Structure formats: structure tokens, C-alpha cells
């Protein structure tokens, strides 16, 4: 991770790993923090990681350290365009598309921690540095 990154976007698995205090994720966050990178998640990602077993206090603490962005109508339309351009559709790709759209409009360079590198590569092309979790 020697390339400078301005913004780090987390998908649900990236956010979940941080909440669970996964050692690899914490080390990665330490590196990006040292670069001065902003960490961004989407409001729908927060919904995706919230369930009965989620440590609510840890979730709140984590969210206090990130920028949580809403999914606006404009973002939803841009996400739908990304799906169409990638030849994807349906609910199985909907949240991925909103995460990709969010990453693509952040100040760059941008990295994304994701559990779905293949689909994100189809949605983002080579404009976002993808890091598998």
C-alpha cells in the first residue's frame, strides 16, 4: 500500500470487518489513516451490516469515524447507469452499484475494501483501487 490514497470506501464486508476488529482490517485502516485518507460508507451499507448480532456500541463508534453518505435520487440514477453499462441488473447487484457509484465520485485517488472484487471491477473499471477482504 505505498500508493497515496485520498479516499477509502468500505463495502459492507469492509465495514463489518472493522466493527469486528479484524486484525488485517485494522492494520489496513492504520495505513490509510497515516496517509490522511477519508473513510466513506453509504447509508445503505450501514443498513446492510445491521442485524441482531451486530455490536451496536461498536457500530456507533465506527460510524463516528467515517463519513456516511446518503443514497440520493441522483446517486441511484447514476448507480443504475453503472449497472446497465456493466451488463448487470437486479437486487443482487443493487447495493454494489451504489457502493461503486459512491467510490467513483470521491476525491481521488480512491481505494475500496470489498468482498466482491470481480463485480466491483466490472462496475468501476480501473478507476478505483480494489482491495479484497
N, C-alpha and C. Protein backbone atom coordinates (compact mmCIF):
# COMPACT_ATOMS: atom_id res chain seq x y z
N UNK A 1 0.81 -1.18 0.00
CA UNK A 1 0.00 0.00 0.00
C UNK A 1 0.86 1.25 0.00
N UNK A 2 1.80 1.35 -0.89
CA UNK A 2 2.66 2.51 -0.94
C UNK A 2 2.12 3.63 -1.82
N UNK A 3 1.00 3.45 -2.49
CA UNK A 3 0.41 4.47 -3.31
C UNK A 3 -0.49 5.35 -2.45
N UNK A 4 -0.39 6.66 -2.62
CA UNK A 4 -1.23 7.58 -1.85
C UNK A 4 -2.70 7.38 -2.21
N UNK A 5 -3.54 7.42 -1.20
CA UNK A 5 -4.99 7.32 -1.38
C UNK A 5 -5.64 8.48 -0.64
N UNK A 6 -6.52 9.19 -1.31
CA UNK A 6 -7.24 10.32 -0.72
C UNK A 6 -8.50 9.86 0.00
N UNK A 7 -9.17 8.84 -0.56
CA UNK A 7 -10.44 8.37 -0.01
C UNK A 7 -10.47 6.85 -0.01
N UNK A 8 -10.94 6.28 1.09
CA UNK A 8 -11.13 4.84 1.22
C UNK A 8 -12.62 4.58 1.39
N UNK A 9 -13.19 3.78 0.50
CA UNK A 9 -14.60 3.43 0.55
C UNK A 9 -14.71 1.99 1.04
N UNK A 10 -15.63 1.76 1.98
CA UNK A 10 -15.83 0.41 2.51
C UNK A 10 -17.18 -0.12 2.06
N UNK A 11 -17.19 -1.38 1.59
CA UNK A 11 -18.48 -2.03 1.36
C UNK A 11 -18.90 -2.67 2.68
N UNK A 12 -19.97 -3.44 2.67
CA UNK A 12 -20.48 -3.98 3.93
C UNK A 12 -19.49 -4.93 4.60
N UNK A 13 -18.76 -5.72 3.82
CA UNK A 13 -17.78 -6.63 4.42
C UNK A 13 -16.60 -5.85 5.02
N UNK A 14 -16.19 -4.77 4.36
CA UNK A 14 -15.13 -3.94 4.91
C UNK A 14 -15.56 -3.29 6.22
N UNK A 15 -16.79 -2.74 6.23
CA UNK A 15 -17.31 -2.13 7.45
C UNK A 15 -17.49 -3.18 8.55
N UNK A 16 -18.00 -4.34 8.19
CA UNK A 16 -18.18 -5.43 9.17
C UNK A 16 -16.85 -5.87 9.76
N UNK A 17 -15.83 -5.94 8.93
CA UNK A 17 -14.50 -6.33 9.42
C UNK A 17 -13.97 -5.31 10.42
N UNK A 18 -14.22 -4.04 10.16
CA UNK A 18 -13.78 -3.01 11.09
C UNK A 18 -14.54 -3.13 12.40
N UNK A 19 -15.86 -3.29 12.32
CA UNK A 19 -16.68 -3.43 13.52
C UNK A 19 -16.22 -4.64 14.34
N UNK A 20 -15.88 -5.73 13.67
CA UNK A 20 -15.43 -6.95 14.34
C UNK A 20 -13.97 -6.87 14.80
N UNK A 21 -13.31 -5.76 14.50
CA UNK A 21 -11.92 -5.52 14.86
C UNK A 21 -10.97 -6.58 14.27
N UNK A 22 -11.26 -6.93 13.02
CA UNK A 22 -10.40 -7.85 12.28
C UNK A 22 -9.00 -7.24 12.19
N UNK A 23 -8.00 -8.02 12.57
CA UNK A 23 -6.63 -7.50 12.63
C UNK A 23 -6.12 -6.98 11.30
N UNK A 24 -6.39 -7.70 10.23
CA UNK A 24 -5.93 -7.26 8.90
C UNK A 24 -6.59 -5.93 8.54
N UNK A 25 -7.89 -5.82 8.83
CA UNK A 25 -8.61 -4.58 8.52
C UNK A 25 -8.08 -3.43 9.36
N UNK A 26 -7.84 -3.67 10.63
CA UNK A 26 -7.32 -2.61 11.49
C UNK A 26 -5.94 -2.14 11.03
N UNK A 27 -5.11 -3.08 10.59
CA UNK A 27 -3.78 -2.70 10.07
C UNK A 27 -3.92 -1.87 8.80
N UNK A 28 -4.84 -2.27 7.95
CA UNK A 28 -5.07 -1.53 6.70
C UNK A 28 -5.56 -0.10 7.01
N UNK A 29 -6.50 0.01 7.94
CA UNK A 29 -7.02 1.32 8.32
C UNK A 29 -5.92 2.20 8.90
N UNK A 30 -5.01 1.61 9.65
CA UNK A 30 -3.89 2.35 10.22
C UNK A 30 -3.04 2.97 9.11
N UNK A 31 -2.79 2.19 8.07
CA UNK A 31 -2.00 2.67 6.93
C UNK A 31 -2.73 3.82 6.23
N UNK A 32 -4.02 3.63 5.95
CA UNK A 32 -4.77 4.67 5.25
C UNK A 32 -4.93 5.92 6.12
N UNK A 33 -5.09 5.74 7.42
CA UNK A 33 -5.17 6.88 8.33
C UNK A 33 -3.86 7.67 8.27
N UNK A 34 -2.75 6.95 8.22
CA UNK A 34 -1.44 7.60 8.12
C UNK A 34 -1.29 8.42 6.85
N UNK A 35 -1.99 8.02 5.79
CA UNK A 35 -1.99 8.78 4.53
C UNK A 35 -2.90 10.00 4.59
N UNK A 36 -3.74 10.05 5.63
CA UNK A 36 -4.72 11.13 5.71
C UNK A 36 -5.97 10.87 4.90
N UNK A 37 -6.21 9.62 4.55
CA UNK A 37 -7.37 9.28 3.72
C UNK A 37 -8.66 9.42 4.51
N UNK A 38 -9.69 9.93 3.86
CA UNK A 38 -11.04 9.95 4.43
C UNK A 38 -11.65 8.57 4.21
N UNK A 39 -12.41 8.09 5.19
CA UNK A 39 -13.10 6.81 5.07
C UNK A 39 -14.59 7.10 4.86
N UNK A 40 -15.16 6.48 3.82
CA UNK A 40 -16.53 6.74 3.41
C UNK A 40 -17.32 5.44 3.34
N UNK A 41 -18.55 5.48 3.86
CA UNK A 41 -19.50 4.39 3.68
C UNK A 41 -20.84 5.02 3.29
N UNK A 42 -21.70 4.20 2.74
CA UNK A 42 -23.02 4.67 2.37
C UNK A 42 -24.05 4.32 3.43
N UNK A 43 -25.11 5.11 3.49
CA UNK A 43 -26.18 4.85 4.44
C UNK A 43 -26.75 3.45 4.25
N UNK A 44 -26.86 3.01 3.00
CA UNK A 44 -27.40 1.66 2.77
C UNK A 44 -26.43 0.58 3.23
N UNK A 45 -25.14 0.88 3.27
CA UNK A 45 -24.15 -0.06 3.80
C UNK A 45 -24.35 -0.24 5.30
N UNK A 46 -24.70 0.85 5.98
CA UNK A 46 -24.99 0.76 7.41
C UNK A 46 -26.17 -0.17 7.65
N UNK A 47 -27.19 -0.05 6.83
CA UNK A 47 -28.35 -0.93 6.95
C UNK A 47 -27.93 -2.38 6.70
N UNK A 48 -27.09 -2.58 5.71
CA UNK A 48 -26.67 -3.93 5.33
C UNK A 48 -25.89 -4.64 6.45
N UNK A 49 -25.12 -3.90 7.25
CA UNK A 49 -24.33 -4.54 8.31
C UNK A 49 -25.08 -4.65 9.63
N UNK A 50 -26.25 -4.04 9.71
CA UNK A 50 -27.02 -4.04 10.96
C UNK A 50 -27.91 -5.26 11.05
N UNK A 51 -27.72 -6.03 12.10
CA UNK A 51 -28.55 -7.21 12.35
C UNK A 51 -28.47 -7.53 13.84
N UNK A 52 -29.16 -8.56 14.27
CA UNK A 52 -29.27 -8.88 15.70
C UNK A 52 -27.91 -9.13 16.37
N UNK A 53 -26.93 -9.64 15.64
CA UNK A 53 -25.62 -9.95 16.24
C UNK A 53 -24.63 -8.79 16.14
N UNK A 54 -25.02 -7.68 15.54
CA UNK A 54 -24.12 -6.54 15.42
C UNK A 54 -23.91 -5.90 16.78
N UNK A 55 -22.67 -5.64 17.11
CA UNK A 55 -22.35 -4.93 18.34
C UNK A 55 -22.70 -3.46 18.10
N UNK A 56 -23.85 -3.05 18.62
CA UNK A 56 -24.38 -1.71 18.34
C UNK A 56 -23.44 -0.60 18.82
N UNK A 57 -22.86 -0.78 19.99
CA UNK A 57 -21.93 0.24 20.51
C UNK A 57 -20.71 0.35 19.60
N UNK A 58 -20.20 -0.77 19.15
CA UNK A 58 -19.04 -0.76 18.25
C UNK A 58 -19.42 -0.15 16.89
N UNK A 59 -20.62 -0.45 16.40
CA UNK A 59 -21.10 0.15 15.15
C UNK A 59 -21.16 1.67 15.29
N UNK A 60 -21.74 2.16 16.37
CA UNK A 60 -21.84 3.62 16.58
C UNK A 60 -20.44 4.24 16.63
N UNK A 61 -19.52 3.61 17.35
CA UNK A 61 -18.16 4.13 17.46
C UNK A 61 -17.51 4.19 16.07
N UNK A 62 -17.65 3.12 15.31
CA UNK A 62 -17.06 3.06 13.97
C UNK A 62 -17.65 4.15 13.08
N UNK A 63 -18.97 4.29 13.10
CA UNK A 63 -19.63 5.30 12.26
C UNK A 63 -19.24 6.72 12.65
N UNK A 64 -18.83 6.92 13.90
CA UNK A 64 -18.40 8.27 14.31
C UNK A 64 -17.06 8.64 13.69
N UNK A 65 -16.39 7.65 13.08
CA UNK A 65 -15.07 7.88 12.48
C UNK A 65 -15.07 7.84 10.96
N UNK A 66 -16.24 7.76 10.37
CA UNK A 66 -16.34 7.73 8.92
C UNK A 66 -17.33 8.78 8.43
N UNK A 67 -17.27 9.03 7.15
CA UNK A 67 -18.26 9.89 6.51
C UNK A 67 -19.35 8.97 5.95
N UNK A 68 -20.57 9.13 6.45
CA UNK A 68 -21.69 8.33 5.97
C UNK A 68 -22.46 9.17 4.96
N UNK A 69 -22.54 8.67 3.73
CA UNK A 69 -23.21 9.40 2.66
C UNK A 69 -24.58 8.82 2.37
N UNK A 70 -25.55 9.70 2.11
CA UNK A 70 -26.89 9.21 1.75
C UNK A 70 -26.91 8.69 0.32
N UNK A 71 -27.91 7.90 0.02
CA UNK A 71 -28.16 7.49 -1.36
C UNK A 71 -29.28 8.40 -1.87
N UNK A 72 -28.90 9.35 -2.67
CA UNK A 72 -29.86 10.31 -3.20
C UNK A 72 -30.47 9.78 -4.50
N UNK A 73 -31.46 10.48 -4.99
CA UNK A 73 -32.05 10.09 -6.28
C UNK A 73 -31.00 10.16 -7.38
N UNK A 74 -30.19 11.20 -7.38
CA UNK A 74 -29.13 11.35 -8.38
C UNK A 74 -28.15 10.19 -8.30
N UNK A 75 -27.76 9.81 -7.07
CA UNK A 75 -26.84 8.68 -6.90
C UNK A 75 -27.48 7.37 -7.36
N UNK A 76 -28.78 7.22 -7.09
CA UNK A 76 -29.48 6.00 -7.52
C UNK A 76 -29.52 5.90 -9.04
N UNK A 77 -29.77 7.01 -9.70
CA UNK A 77 -29.80 7.01 -11.17
C UNK A 77 -28.41 6.69 -11.74
N UNK A 78 -27.38 7.29 -11.15
CA UNK A 78 -26.01 7.02 -11.61
C UNK A 78 -25.64 5.56 -11.36
N UNK A 79 -26.10 4.99 -10.24
CA UNK A 79 -25.85 3.58 -9.93
C UNK A 79 -26.52 2.68 -10.96
N UNK A 80 -27.75 3.02 -11.35
CA UNK A 80 -28.47 2.25 -12.36
C UNK A 80 -27.74 2.30 -13.70
N UNK A 81 -27.17 3.46 -14.02
CA UNK A 81 -26.40 3.59 -15.26
C UNK A 81 -25.14 2.72 -15.22
N UNK A 82 -24.49 2.64 -14.06
CA UNK A 82 -23.32 1.77 -13.91
C UNK A 82 -23.71 0.31 -14.13
N UNK A 83 -24.84 -0.10 -13.57
CA UNK A 83 -25.32 -1.48 -13.76
C UNK A 83 -25.54 -1.77 -15.23
N UNK A 84 -26.22 -0.86 -15.90
CA UNK A 84 -26.50 -1.06 -17.32
C UNK A 84 -25.21 -1.16 -18.13
N UNK A 85 -24.28 -0.25 -17.86
CA UNK A 85 -23.02 -0.25 -18.60
C UNK A 85 -22.22 -1.53 -18.36
N UNK A 86 -22.36 -2.11 -17.16
CA UNK A 86 -21.63 -3.34 -16.83
C UNK A 86 -22.39 -4.59 -17.25
N UNK A 87 -23.60 -4.42 -17.76
CA UNK A 87 -24.41 -5.56 -18.16
C UNK A 87 -24.95 -6.35 -16.98
N UNK A 88 -25.14 -5.67 -15.85
CA UNK A 88 -25.66 -6.31 -14.63
C UNK A 88 -27.04 -5.74 -14.33
N UNK A 89 -27.83 -6.50 -13.56
CA UNK A 89 -29.13 -5.99 -13.14
C UNK A 89 -29.62 -6.78 -11.94
N UNK A 90 -30.65 -6.27 -11.31
CA UNK A 90 -31.31 -6.98 -10.22
C UNK A 90 -30.79 -6.63 -8.85
N UNK A 91 -31.55 -7.09 -7.86
CA UNK A 91 -31.24 -6.75 -6.47
C UNK A 91 -29.88 -7.27 -6.02
N UNK A 92 -29.41 -8.33 -6.62
CA UNK A 92 -28.13 -8.91 -6.19
C UNK A 92 -26.96 -7.95 -6.44
N UNK A 93 -27.10 -7.03 -7.37
CA UNK A 93 -26.03 -6.07 -7.68
C UNK A 93 -26.36 -4.64 -7.26
N UNK A 94 -27.56 -4.40 -6.76
CA UNK A 94 -28.02 -3.04 -6.50
C UNK A 94 -27.14 -2.30 -5.50
N UNK A 95 -26.87 -2.91 -4.35
CA UNK A 95 -26.06 -2.22 -3.35
C UNK A 95 -24.62 -2.08 -3.83
N UNK A 96 -24.10 -3.11 -4.51
CA UNK A 96 -22.75 -2.99 -5.08
C UNK A 96 -22.66 -1.77 -6.00
N UNK A 97 -23.70 -1.56 -6.79
CA UNK A 97 -23.70 -0.43 -7.71
C UNK A 97 -23.68 0.90 -6.96
N UNK A 98 -24.39 0.98 -5.83
CA UNK A 98 -24.37 2.24 -5.08
C UNK A 98 -23.00 2.46 -4.43
N UNK A 99 -22.35 1.38 -4.00
CA UNK A 99 -21.01 1.50 -3.42
C UNK A 99 -20.03 1.94 -4.52
N UNK A 100 -20.14 1.35 -5.69
CA UNK A 100 -19.27 1.72 -6.81
C UNK A 100 -19.49 3.18 -7.21
N UNK A 101 -20.74 3.59 -7.32
CA UNK A 101 -21.05 4.97 -7.70
C UNK A 101 -20.46 5.94 -6.68
N UNK A 102 -20.60 5.61 -5.41
CA UNK A 102 -20.06 6.46 -4.34
C UNK A 102 -18.54 6.57 -4.48
N UNK A 103 -17.88 5.45 -4.73
CA UNK A 103 -16.43 5.46 -4.86
C UNK A 103 -15.98 6.30 -6.05
N UNK A 104 -16.72 6.19 -7.16
CA UNK A 104 -16.34 6.90 -8.38
C UNK A 104 -16.46 8.41 -8.27
N UNK A 105 -17.25 8.90 -7.34
CA UNK A 105 -17.40 10.36 -7.23
C UNK A 105 -16.63 10.96 -6.06
N UNK A 106 -15.79 10.16 -5.41
CA UNK A 106 -14.98 10.67 -4.30
C UNK A 106 -13.71 11.33 -4.83
N UNK A 107 -13.13 12.22 -4.01
CA UNK A 107 -11.82 12.78 -4.40
C UNK A 107 -10.80 11.66 -4.49
N UNK A 108 -10.03 11.66 -5.54
CA UNK A 108 -9.09 10.57 -5.78
C UNK A 108 -7.68 10.94 -5.43
N UNK A 109 -6.85 9.95 -5.45
CA UNK A 109 -7.12 8.55 -5.77
C UNK A 109 -7.98 7.88 -4.70
N UNK A 110 -8.76 6.88 -5.14
CA UNK A 110 -9.70 6.19 -4.29
C UNK A 110 -9.38 4.70 -4.24
N UNK A 111 -9.47 4.13 -3.05
CA UNK A 111 -9.36 2.69 -2.86
C UNK A 111 -10.68 2.21 -2.24
N UNK A 112 -11.02 0.96 -2.50
CA UNK A 112 -12.22 0.37 -1.93
C UNK A 112 -11.88 -0.99 -1.32
N UNK A 113 -12.34 -1.20 -0.10
CA UNK A 113 -12.23 -2.51 0.53
C UNK A 113 -13.56 -3.21 0.27
N UNK A 114 -13.49 -4.35 -0.42
CA UNK A 114 -14.70 -5.04 -0.85
C UNK A 114 -14.54 -6.55 -0.79
N UNK A 115 -15.65 -7.22 -0.59
CA UNK A 115 -15.65 -8.68 -0.64
C UNK A 115 -15.93 -9.18 -2.05
N UNK A 116 -16.24 -8.26 -2.95
CA UNK A 116 -16.65 -8.65 -4.30
C UNK A 116 -15.82 -7.93 -5.36
N UNK A 117 -14.54 -8.26 -5.41
CA UNK A 117 -13.61 -7.58 -6.31
C UNK A 117 -14.04 -7.74 -7.77
N UNK A 118 -14.50 -8.92 -8.17
CA UNK A 118 -14.87 -9.14 -9.57
C UNK A 118 -16.00 -8.23 -10.03
N UNK A 119 -17.10 -8.18 -9.27
CA UNK A 119 -18.21 -7.32 -9.67
C UNK A 119 -17.84 -5.85 -9.58
N UNK A 120 -17.08 -5.49 -8.56
CA UNK A 120 -16.67 -4.08 -8.44
C UNK A 120 -15.76 -3.68 -9.58
N UNK A 121 -14.93 -4.60 -10.05
CA UNK A 121 -14.08 -4.30 -11.21
C UNK A 121 -14.95 -4.05 -12.44
N UNK A 122 -16.02 -4.81 -12.59
CA UNK A 122 -16.93 -4.59 -13.72
C UNK A 122 -17.62 -3.23 -13.61
N UNK A 123 -17.97 -2.83 -12.38
CA UNK A 123 -18.69 -1.58 -12.17
C UNK A 123 -17.76 -0.36 -12.20
N UNK A 124 -16.56 -0.49 -11.70
CA UNK A 124 -15.65 0.66 -11.55
C UNK A 124 -14.56 0.73 -12.61
N UNK A 125 -14.35 -0.36 -13.33
CA UNK A 125 -13.24 -0.38 -14.26
C UNK A 125 -11.93 -0.29 -13.50
N UNK A 126 -10.98 0.41 -14.05
CA UNK A 126 -9.68 0.54 -13.39
C UNK A 126 -9.54 1.88 -12.66
N UNK A 127 -10.65 2.57 -12.45
CA UNK A 127 -10.59 3.89 -11.82
C UNK A 127 -10.50 3.85 -10.30
N UNK A 128 -10.79 2.68 -9.71
CA UNK A 128 -10.75 2.52 -8.26
C UNK A 128 -9.81 1.38 -7.92
N UNK A 129 -8.95 1.58 -6.95
CA UNK A 129 -8.07 0.51 -6.49
C UNK A 129 -8.87 -0.40 -5.57
N UNK A 130 -9.01 -1.65 -5.95
CA UNK A 130 -9.83 -2.61 -5.20
C UNK A 130 -8.95 -3.48 -4.31
N UNK A 131 -9.38 -3.61 -3.07
CA UNK A 131 -8.66 -4.40 -2.08
C UNK A 131 -9.65 -5.44 -1.54
N UNK A 132 -9.35 -6.70 -1.76
CA UNK A 132 -10.23 -7.77 -1.30
C UNK A 132 -10.16 -7.95 0.21
N UNK A 133 -11.32 -8.23 0.78
CA UNK A 133 -11.40 -8.51 2.22
C UNK A 133 -11.90 -9.92 2.43
